[in-house]
Amino acid sequence: MAYNEVLADKLRQALDDRKANYTEKQMMGGLTFMVDEKMCLGIVKDDLMARIGPHVFEKFLKKSGARVMDFTKRPMKGYAFISPEGWDDDRELADWVDQCLVFNKEAKSSKKKN
């Protein structure tokens, strides 16, 4: 799987610093960070994948490098892709991580397949 290892290390550090209960899963051709068993953050190639709340979604889409996640060629509600120009600054990355963790508390987890 090809994903940005530098970003993966930065996300691990950020989640550890915040004492988040997370696991890593390889999916979507990249790496996904599940927080409290809910998809929270991820990496697809060099892009950060962020799951953020509807109350800040439009505001965060105006940030550098951000766009609606369209992994399946259809927009995915509540998910954004952020190119490296939008996450390479540690303060910007921290802002994304914090917003993802805020939303994670109210997000519903997907139903598990048997």
N, C-alpha and C. Protein backbone atom coordinates (compact mmCIF):
# COMPACT_ATOMS: atom_id res chain seq x y z
N MET A 1 0.84 -1.18 0.00
CA MET A 1 0.00 0.00 0.00
C MET A 1 0.89 1.24 0.00
N ALA A 2 0.57 2.12 -0.88
CA ALA A 2 1.37 3.34 -0.99
C ALA A 2 0.65 4.49 -0.31
N TYR A 3 1.20 4.92 0.81
CA TYR A 3 0.69 6.10 1.50
C TYR A 3 1.89 6.81 2.12
N ASN A 4 1.70 8.06 2.42
CA ASN A 4 2.77 8.90 2.93
C ASN A 4 3.13 8.50 4.36
N GLU A 5 4.32 7.89 4.51
CA GLU A 5 4.77 7.42 5.83
C GLU A 5 5.07 8.57 6.79
N VAL A 6 5.53 9.70 6.25
CA VAL A 6 5.80 10.87 7.10
C VAL A 6 4.50 11.35 7.74
N LEU A 7 3.45 11.44 6.94
CA LEU A 7 2.14 11.84 7.46
C LEU A 7 1.64 10.81 8.47
N ALA A 8 1.83 9.53 8.19
CA ALA A 8 1.40 8.49 9.13
C ALA A 8 2.07 8.67 10.49
N ASP A 9 3.36 8.93 10.48
CA ASP A 9 4.08 9.16 11.74
C ASP A 9 3.57 10.41 12.46
N LYS A 10 3.29 11.46 11.71
CA LYS A 10 2.77 12.69 12.32
C LYS A 10 1.40 12.45 12.95
N LEU A 11 0.55 11.67 12.26
CA LEU A 11 -0.77 11.38 12.82
C LEU A 11 -0.67 10.51 14.06
N ARG A 12 0.21 9.51 14.04
CA ARG A 12 0.41 8.68 15.23
C ARG A 12 0.83 9.55 16.42
N GLN A 13 1.78 10.44 16.17
CA GLN A 13 2.27 11.31 17.25
C GLN A 13 1.15 12.22 17.76
N ALA A 14 0.38 12.79 16.84
CA ALA A 14 -0.71 13.68 17.24
C ALA A 14 -1.76 12.94 18.05
N LEU A 15 -2.11 11.74 17.64
CA LEU A 15 -3.10 10.95 18.37
C LEU A 15 -2.56 10.49 19.72
N ASP A 16 -1.29 10.11 19.74
CA ASP A 16 -0.68 9.73 21.02
C ASP A 16 -0.65 10.92 21.98
N ASP A 17 -0.27 12.09 21.47
CA ASP A 17 -0.22 13.30 22.31
C ASP A 17 -1.58 13.62 22.91
N ARG A 18 -2.65 13.30 22.19
CA ARG A 18 -4.00 13.59 22.66
C ARG A 18 -4.62 12.41 23.40
N LYS A 19 -3.82 11.36 23.59
CA LYS A 19 -4.25 10.16 24.30
C LYS A 19 -5.52 9.55 23.69
N ALA A 20 -5.59 9.57 22.37
CA ALA A 20 -6.74 9.02 21.66
C ALA A 20 -6.65 7.49 21.64
N ASN A 21 -7.78 6.86 21.75
CA ASN A 21 -7.89 5.40 21.68
C ASN A 21 -8.05 5.02 20.21
N TYR A 22 -6.95 4.75 19.53
CA TYR A 22 -7.01 4.51 18.09
C TYR A 22 -6.38 3.19 17.68
N THR A 23 -6.82 2.73 16.52
CA THR A 23 -6.21 1.59 15.85
C THR A 23 -5.99 1.99 14.41
N GLU A 24 -5.12 1.28 13.75
CA GLU A 24 -4.83 1.54 12.34
C GLU A 24 -5.36 0.39 11.50
N LYS A 25 -5.95 0.74 10.35
CA LYS A 25 -6.44 -0.26 9.41
C LYS A 25 -6.00 0.14 8.02
N GLN A 26 -5.51 -0.84 7.28
CA GLN A 26 -5.21 -0.56 5.89
C GLN A 26 -6.50 -0.74 5.10
N MET A 27 -6.91 0.32 4.44
CA MET A 27 -8.12 0.29 3.61
C MET A 27 -8.09 1.44 2.62
N MET A 28 -8.90 1.35 1.61
CA MET A 28 -9.02 2.39 0.58
C MET A 28 -7.68 2.65 -0.10
N GLY A 29 -6.82 1.64 -0.16
CA GLY A 29 -5.52 1.83 -0.77
C GLY A 29 -4.57 2.65 0.07
N GLY A 30 -4.90 2.84 1.33
CA GLY A 30 -4.07 3.66 2.21
C GLY A 30 -4.17 3.17 3.64
N LEU A 31 -4.11 4.10 4.55
CA LEU A 31 -4.14 3.80 5.98
C LEU A 31 -5.22 4.63 6.65
N THR A 32 -6.02 3.99 7.48
CA THR A 32 -7.09 4.68 8.19
C THR A 32 -6.85 4.56 9.69
N PHE A 33 -7.09 5.65 10.40
CA PHE A 33 -7.00 5.68 11.85
C PHE A 33 -8.42 5.67 12.40
N MET A 34 -8.72 4.61 13.13
CA MET A 34 -10.02 4.45 13.75
C MET A 34 -9.89 4.90 15.20
N VAL A 35 -10.73 5.84 15.61
CA VAL A 35 -10.73 6.31 16.99
C VAL A 35 -12.03 5.85 17.63
N ASP A 36 -11.91 5.12 18.73
CA ASP A 36 -13.07 4.53 19.38
C ASP A 36 -13.91 3.74 18.38
N GLU A 37 -13.21 3.00 17.51
CA GLU A 37 -13.80 2.12 16.50
C GLU A 37 -14.59 2.86 15.43
N LYS A 38 -14.32 4.15 15.24
CA LYS A 38 -14.98 4.94 14.19
C LYS A 38 -13.91 5.58 13.30
N MET A 39 -14.16 5.56 11.99
CA MET A 39 -13.21 6.17 11.06
C MET A 39 -13.06 7.65 11.40
N CYS A 40 -11.82 8.09 11.57
CA CYS A 40 -11.56 9.45 12.01
C CYS A 40 -10.63 10.19 11.05
N LEU A 41 -9.49 9.60 10.78
CA LEU A 41 -8.47 10.19 9.91
C LEU A 41 -7.91 9.11 9.01
N GLY A 42 -7.27 9.52 7.95
CA GLY A 42 -6.65 8.53 7.09
C GLY A 42 -5.67 9.17 6.12
N ILE A 43 -5.04 8.32 5.36
CA ILE A 43 -4.09 8.76 4.35
C ILE A 43 -4.34 7.96 3.08
N VAL A 44 -4.49 8.65 1.98
CA VAL A 44 -4.57 8.03 0.66
C VAL A 44 -3.49 8.71 -0.18
N LYS A 45 -2.49 7.95 -0.53
CA LYS A 45 -1.29 8.45 -1.21
C LYS A 45 -0.66 9.55 -0.36
N ASP A 46 -0.69 10.80 -0.82
CA ASP A 46 -0.13 11.91 -0.04
C ASP A 46 -1.21 12.77 0.60
N ASP A 47 -2.46 12.41 0.43
CA ASP A 47 -3.57 13.21 0.96
C ASP A 47 -3.98 12.74 2.35
N LEU A 48 -4.23 13.71 3.21
CA LEU A 48 -4.86 13.46 4.50
C LEU A 48 -6.35 13.30 4.25
N MET A 49 -6.97 12.32 4.88
CA MET A 49 -8.41 12.17 4.83
C MET A 49 -8.92 12.56 6.22
N ALA A 50 -9.88 13.48 6.26
CA ALA A 50 -10.39 13.97 7.54
C ALA A 50 -11.91 13.85 7.58
N ARG A 51 -12.42 13.34 8.69
CA ARG A 51 -13.87 13.26 8.92
C ARG A 51 -14.21 14.33 9.94
N ILE A 52 -14.91 15.37 9.48
CA ILE A 52 -15.22 16.49 10.36
C ILE A 52 -16.72 16.76 10.38
N GLY A 53 -17.14 17.49 11.38
CA GLY A 53 -18.56 17.75 11.59
C GLY A 53 -19.17 18.73 10.60
N PRO A 54 -20.48 18.62 10.41
CA PRO A 54 -21.18 19.49 9.46
C PRO A 54 -21.13 20.97 9.85
N HIS A 55 -21.00 21.26 11.14
CA HIS A 55 -20.99 22.64 11.60
C HIS A 55 -19.71 23.39 11.21
N VAL A 56 -18.64 22.67 10.87
CA VAL A 56 -17.38 23.32 10.46
C VAL A 56 -16.94 22.91 9.06
N PHE A 57 -17.71 22.05 8.41
CA PHE A 57 -17.26 21.47 7.14
C PHE A 57 -16.96 22.54 6.08
N GLU A 58 -17.89 23.43 5.83
CA GLU A 58 -17.68 24.45 4.79
C GLU A 58 -16.51 25.36 5.13
N LYS A 59 -16.38 25.71 6.39
CA LYS A 59 -15.26 26.56 6.83
C LYS A 59 -13.92 25.87 6.56
N PHE A 60 -13.83 24.59 6.89
CA PHE A 60 -12.58 23.87 6.72
C PHE A 60 -12.27 23.59 5.25
N LEU A 61 -13.30 23.51 4.41
CA LEU A 61 -13.04 23.32 2.98
C LEU A 61 -12.37 24.54 2.35
N LYS A 62 -12.43 25.66 3.02
CA LYS A 62 -11.78 26.87 2.52
C LYS A 62 -10.29 26.90 2.85
N LYS A 63 -9.84 25.97 3.69
CA LYS A 63 -8.42 25.92 4.07
C LYS A 63 -7.58 25.44 2.88
N SER A 64 -6.33 25.80 2.91
CA SER A 64 -5.40 25.45 1.85
C SER A 64 -5.36 23.94 1.63
N GLY A 65 -5.46 23.53 0.38
CA GLY A 65 -5.33 22.12 0.01
C GLY A 65 -6.54 21.26 0.26
N ALA A 66 -7.62 21.80 0.81
CA ALA A 66 -8.79 20.99 1.17
C ALA A 66 -9.79 20.90 0.01
N ARG A 67 -10.39 19.73 -0.08
CA ARG A 67 -11.46 19.51 -1.06
C ARG A 67 -12.37 18.40 -0.54
N VAL A 68 -13.57 18.33 -1.06
CA VAL A 68 -14.49 17.28 -0.66
C VAL A 68 -13.91 15.93 -1.09
N MET A 69 -14.00 14.97 -0.22
CA MET A 69 -13.51 13.63 -0.53
C MET A 69 -14.40 13.01 -1.59
N ASP A 70 -13.78 12.59 -2.67
CA ASP A 70 -14.53 12.01 -3.79
C ASP A 70 -13.87 10.70 -4.22
N PHE A 71 -13.55 9.87 -3.26
CA PHE A 71 -12.80 8.65 -3.49
C PHE A 71 -13.49 7.75 -4.52
N THR A 72 -14.80 7.69 -4.48
CA THR A 72 -15.55 6.85 -5.41
C THR A 72 -16.14 7.67 -6.55
N LYS A 73 -15.56 8.82 -6.81
CA LYS A 73 -16.04 9.77 -7.83
C LYS A 73 -17.36 10.41 -7.46
N ARG A 74 -17.78 10.20 -6.21
CA ARG A 74 -18.97 10.89 -5.67
C ARG A 74 -18.55 11.55 -4.38
N PRO A 75 -19.04 12.75 -4.12
CA PRO A 75 -18.69 13.42 -2.86
C PRO A 75 -19.17 12.60 -1.66
N MET A 76 -18.33 12.54 -0.65
CA MET A 76 -18.70 11.82 0.58
C MET A 76 -18.96 12.85 1.68
N LYS A 77 -20.17 12.88 2.14
CA LYS A 77 -20.59 13.85 3.15
C LYS A 77 -19.76 13.72 4.42
N GLY A 78 -19.20 14.85 4.86
CA GLY A 78 -18.46 14.89 6.10
C GLY A 78 -16.99 14.50 5.99
N TYR A 79 -16.54 14.16 4.80
CA TYR A 79 -15.15 13.76 4.61
C TYR A 79 -14.46 14.72 3.66
N ALA A 80 -13.21 15.03 3.97
CA ALA A 80 -12.40 15.91 3.14
C ALA A 80 -11.05 15.27 2.87
N PHE A 81 -10.50 15.56 1.71
CA PHE A 81 -9.11 15.25 1.39
C PHE A 81 -8.34 16.55 1.52
N ILE A 82 -7.13 16.47 2.05
CA ILE A 82 -6.27 17.63 2.19
C ILE A 82 -4.91 17.27 1.58
N SER A 83 -4.51 18.03 0.57
CA SER A 83 -3.22 17.79 -0.07
C SER A 83 -2.10 18.26 0.86
N PRO A 84 -0.86 17.86 0.59
CA PRO A 84 0.25 18.20 1.48
C PRO A 84 0.38 19.68 1.81
N GLU A 85 0.04 20.56 0.90
CA GLU A 85 0.14 21.99 1.21
C GLU A 85 -0.77 22.40 2.36
N GLY A 86 -1.79 21.59 2.64
CA GLY A 86 -2.72 21.90 3.72
C GLY A 86 -2.41 21.21 5.04
N TRP A 87 -1.47 20.25 5.03
CA TRP A 87 -1.16 19.57 6.29
C TRP A 87 0.33 19.59 6.65
N ASP A 88 1.19 20.11 5.78
CA ASP A 88 2.62 20.05 6.07
C ASP A 88 3.05 21.00 7.20
N ASP A 89 2.25 22.01 7.47
CA ASP A 89 2.49 22.88 8.62
C ASP A 89 1.89 22.19 9.85
N ASP A 90 2.69 22.03 10.90
CA ASP A 90 2.24 21.30 12.09
C ASP A 90 1.00 21.91 12.73
N ARG A 91 0.88 23.23 12.69
CA ARG A 91 -0.30 23.88 13.29
C ARG A 91 -1.55 23.55 12.48
N GLU A 92 -1.41 23.54 11.16
CA GLU A 92 -2.56 23.21 10.31
C GLU A 92 -2.97 21.76 10.52
N LEU A 93 -2.00 20.87 10.57
CA LEU A 93 -2.30 19.45 10.81
C LEU A 93 -2.99 19.28 12.17
N ALA A 94 -2.50 19.96 13.18
CA ALA A 94 -3.11 19.88 14.51
C ALA A 94 -4.56 20.35 14.48
N ASP A 95 -4.84 21.38 13.71
CA ASP A 95 -6.21 21.89 13.59
C ASP A 95 -7.13 20.82 12.99
N TRP A 96 -6.66 20.15 11.94
CA TRP A 96 -7.44 19.08 11.32
C TRP A 96 -7.66 17.93 12.31
N VAL A 97 -6.60 17.50 12.97
CA VAL A 97 -6.70 16.39 13.91
C VAL A 97 -7.69 16.75 15.02
N ASP A 98 -7.58 17.94 15.57
CA ASP A 98 -8.49 18.35 16.65
C ASP A 98 -9.94 18.34 16.19
N GLN A 99 -10.21 18.85 15.00
CA GLN A 99 -11.59 18.87 14.51
C GLN A 99 -12.11 17.47 14.28
N CYS A 100 -11.27 16.58 13.79
CA CYS A 100 -11.68 15.18 13.60
C CYS A 100 -12.01 14.53 14.94
N LEU A 101 -11.21 14.79 15.95
CA LEU A 101 -11.47 14.21 17.26
C LEU A 101 -12.72 14.78 17.91
N VAL A 102 -12.99 16.06 17.69
CA VAL A 102 -14.22 16.67 18.21
C VAL A 102 -15.43 15.98 17.59
N PHE A 103 -15.40 15.83 16.27
CA PHE A 103 -16.54 15.20 15.60
C PHE A 103 -16.65 13.72 15.95
N ASN A 104 -15.53 13.07 16.16
CA ASN A 104 -15.54 11.64 16.45
C ASN A 104 -16.41 11.31 17.65
N LYS A 105 -16.46 12.21 18.62
CA LYS A 105 -17.26 11.98 19.83
C LYS A 105 -18.75 11.89 19.51
N GLU A 106 -19.20 12.60 18.48
CA GLU A 106 -20.63 12.58 18.14
C GLU A 106 -20.94 11.72 16.92
N ALA A 107 -19.92 11.27 16.21
CA ALA A 107 -20.13 10.46 15.00
C ALA A 107 -20.65 9.08 15.37
N LYS A 108 -21.43 8.54 14.48
CA LYS A 108 -21.92 7.18 14.67
C LYS A 108 -20.95 6.22 13.99
N SER A 109 -20.75 5.08 14.60
CA SER A 109 -19.91 4.09 13.95
C SER A 109 -20.74 3.32 12.94
N SER A 110 -20.06 2.84 11.91
CA SER A 110 -20.79 2.07 10.90
C SER A 110 -21.13 0.69 11.45
N LYS A 111 -22.16 0.10 10.89
CA LYS A 111 -22.57 -1.23 11.36
C LYS A 111 -21.51 -2.24 10.94
N LYS A 112 -21.21 -3.14 11.83
CA LYS A 112 -20.23 -4.16 11.55
C LYS A 112 -20.87 -5.27 10.71
N LYS A 113 -20.10 -5.74 9.72
CA LYS A 113 -20.59 -6.83 8.88
C LYS A 113 -20.25 -8.15 9.54
N ASN A 114 -21.16 -9.08 9.48
CA ASN A 114 -20.91 -10.42 10.05
C ASN A 114 -20.31 -11.33 9.02
